[in-house]
């Protein structure tokens, strides 16, 4: 099989060109007209999107809040005790506030979901109607 980018000859079944490093794994499928469909994509293509779109959970909210508090404590300790920490300690506040904000937002979202389900059932919710943990 020849690389479409640099025309170097590669062994059959190779995923990358040995000369230029181009991805040649789909070349045989393209030549036969049997390209994979959207359902056949790899899991790694969806892993980052899946993480952003998952449902919030109380465990994730608490974890984010604790991480934010931990980063805040570490930044204060760095400012007091680390050599040179008085110069860069405040950069640790960026992940601290990001984690705190994320955790608080997830918690608020969960409470709104509970309230909307509570109102749907007229003030009394059946025992099995709580949202399942994610």
Protein backbone atom coordinates (compact mmCIF):
# COMPACT_ATOMS: atom_id res chain seq x y z
CA UNK A 1 0.00 0.00 0.00
CA UNK A 2 1.28 3.46 -0.89
CA UNK A 3 0.88 6.56 1.26
CA UNK A 4 -1.38 9.17 -0.42
CA UNK A 5 0.64 11.97 1.17
CA UNK A 6 4.26 11.08 0.36
CA UNK A 7 3.92 8.01 -1.94
CA UNK A 8 6.12 5.84 0.30
CA UNK A 9 5.43 2.12 0.17
CA UNK A 10 4.13 0.63 3.42
CA UNK A 11 3.22 -2.87 4.50
CA UNK A 12 -0.39 -3.94 4.19
CA UNK A 13 -2.41 -3.27 7.35
CA UNK A 14 -0.19 -0.44 8.58
CA UNK A 15 -1.96 2.36 10.43
CA UNK A 16 0.63 5.08 9.85
CA UNK A 17 3.09 5.81 7.07
CA UNK A 18 6.65 4.78 7.91
CA UNK A 19 8.08 7.79 6.06
CA UNK A 20 5.85 10.77 6.93
CA UNK A 21 3.68 9.44 9.77
CA UNK A 22 0.36 10.14 8.04
CA UNK A 23 -2.66 8.11 9.11
CA UNK A 24 -3.19 5.53 6.36
CA UNK A 25 -5.49 3.16 8.24
CA UNK A 26 -8.54 4.10 6.15
CA UNK A 27 -6.84 3.98 2.74
CA UNK A 28 -7.79 0.34 1.95
CA UNK A 29 -11.38 0.98 3.02
CA UNK A 30 -11.55 4.15 0.93
CA UNK A 31 -10.26 2.29 -2.15
CA UNK A 32 -12.96 -0.36 -1.80
CA UNK A 33 -15.68 2.19 -0.96
CA UNK A 34 -16.38 0.72 2.46
CA UNK A 35 -15.66 3.63 4.81
CA UNK A 36 -16.95 3.18 8.37
CA UNK A 37 -20.25 4.84 9.20
CA UNK A 38 -20.84 7.20 12.12
CA UNK A 39 -21.97 4.29 14.36
CA UNK A 40 -18.62 2.56 13.90
CA UNK A 41 -16.50 5.39 15.28
CA UNK A 42 -14.09 4.65 18.07
CA UNK A 43 -14.95 5.32 21.72
CA UNK A 44 -12.06 7.80 21.98
CA UNK A 45 -13.84 10.11 19.52
CA UNK A 46 -16.71 10.56 21.96
CA UNK A 47 -14.96 10.42 25.33
CA UNK A 48 -14.37 14.16 25.71
CA UNK A 49 -17.88 15.08 24.52
CA UNK A 50 -19.45 12.46 26.74
CA UNK A 51 -17.76 13.85 29.83
CA UNK A 52 -19.09 17.35 29.21
CA UNK A 53 -22.69 16.23 28.56
CA UNK A 54 -23.21 13.80 31.41
CA UNK A 55 -25.85 14.39 34.03
CA UNK A 56 -24.72 16.10 37.24
CA UNK A 57 -24.60 14.02 40.41
CA UNK A 58 -24.36 14.94 44.06
CA UNK A 59 -21.09 13.00 44.33
CA UNK A 60 -19.54 15.00 41.50
CA UNK A 61 -20.77 18.29 43.00
CA UNK A 62 -19.32 17.48 46.41
CA UNK A 63 -16.04 16.34 44.87
CA UNK A 64 -15.71 19.59 42.92
CA UNK A 65 -16.48 21.72 45.97
CA UNK A 66 -13.94 19.83 48.10
CA UNK A 67 -11.30 20.18 45.36
CA UNK A 68 -11.96 23.92 45.22
CA UNK A 69 -11.59 24.26 48.98
CA UNK A 70 -8.42 22.15 48.89
CA UNK A 71 -6.86 24.32 46.17
CA UNK A 72 -7.74 27.42 48.18
CA UNK A 73 -6.08 26.02 51.30
CA UNK A 74 -3.01 24.96 49.33
CA UNK A 75 -2.71 28.40 47.75
CA UNK A 76 -2.84 30.05 51.19
CA UNK A 77 -0.21 27.65 52.54
CA UNK A 78 2.00 28.26 49.50
CA UNK A 79 1.76 32.02 49.97
CA UNK A 80 2.93 31.71 53.59
CA UNK A 81 5.45 28.87 53.63
CA UNK A 82 6.80 28.11 50.13
CA UNK A 83 9.98 29.85 48.99
CA UNK A 84 8.92 32.26 46.31
CA UNK A 85 5.28 31.39 46.96
CA UNK A 86 4.39 35.01 47.64
CA UNK A 87 4.92 35.63 43.93
CA UNK A 88 2.81 32.89 42.34
CA UNK A 89 0.34 31.63 44.99
CA UNK A 90 -2.63 33.41 43.42
CA UNK A 91 -2.38 31.26 40.26
CA UNK A 92 -3.62 28.35 42.35
CA UNK A 93 -6.85 30.28 42.86
CA UNK A 94 -7.80 29.73 39.19
CA UNK A 95 -8.46 25.97 39.57
CA UNK A 96 -9.84 26.64 43.06
CA UNK A 97 -12.55 28.98 41.85
CA UNK A 98 -13.18 26.82 38.77
CA UNK A 99 -13.79 23.73 40.89
CA UNK A 100 -15.88 25.63 43.43
CA UNK A 101 -18.00 27.17 40.68
CA UNK A 102 -18.47 23.84 38.94
CA UNK A 103 -19.51 22.10 42.14
CA UNK A 104 -21.92 24.83 43.18
CA UNK A 105 -23.45 24.94 39.69
CA UNK A 106 -23.97 21.16 39.70
CA UNK A 107 -25.55 21.30 43.15
CA UNK A 108 -27.93 24.09 42.10
CA UNK A 109 -28.82 22.17 38.94
CA UNK A 110 -29.61 19.06 41.00
CA UNK A 111 -31.81 21.04 43.38
CA UNK A 112 -33.71 22.56 40.44
CA UNK A 113 -34.25 19.10 38.98
CA UNK A 114 -35.57 17.83 42.32
CA UNK A 115 -37.87 20.84 42.65
CA UNK A 116 -39.28 20.43 39.13
CA UNK A 117 -39.95 16.73 39.77
CA UNK A 118 -41.54 17.62 43.10
CA UNK A 119 -43.89 20.08 41.39
CA UNK A 120 -44.72 17.55 38.66
CA UNK A 121 -46.15 15.15 41.20
CA UNK A 122 -48.18 17.77 43.04
CA UNK A 123 -46.03 18.08 46.12
CA UNK A 124 -45.61 14.37 46.83
CA UNK A 125 -43.12 12.28 44.96
CA UNK A 126 -43.34 8.50 44.77
CA UNK A 127 -40.46 6.65 46.42
CA UNK A 128 -38.97 5.38 43.15
CA UNK A 129 -39.16 8.67 41.27
CA UNK A 130 -35.82 10.09 42.42
CA UNK A 131 -33.36 10.50 39.56
CA UNK A 132 -30.85 7.64 39.38
CA UNK A 133 -27.25 8.49 40.25
CA UNK A 134 -25.05 9.01 37.23
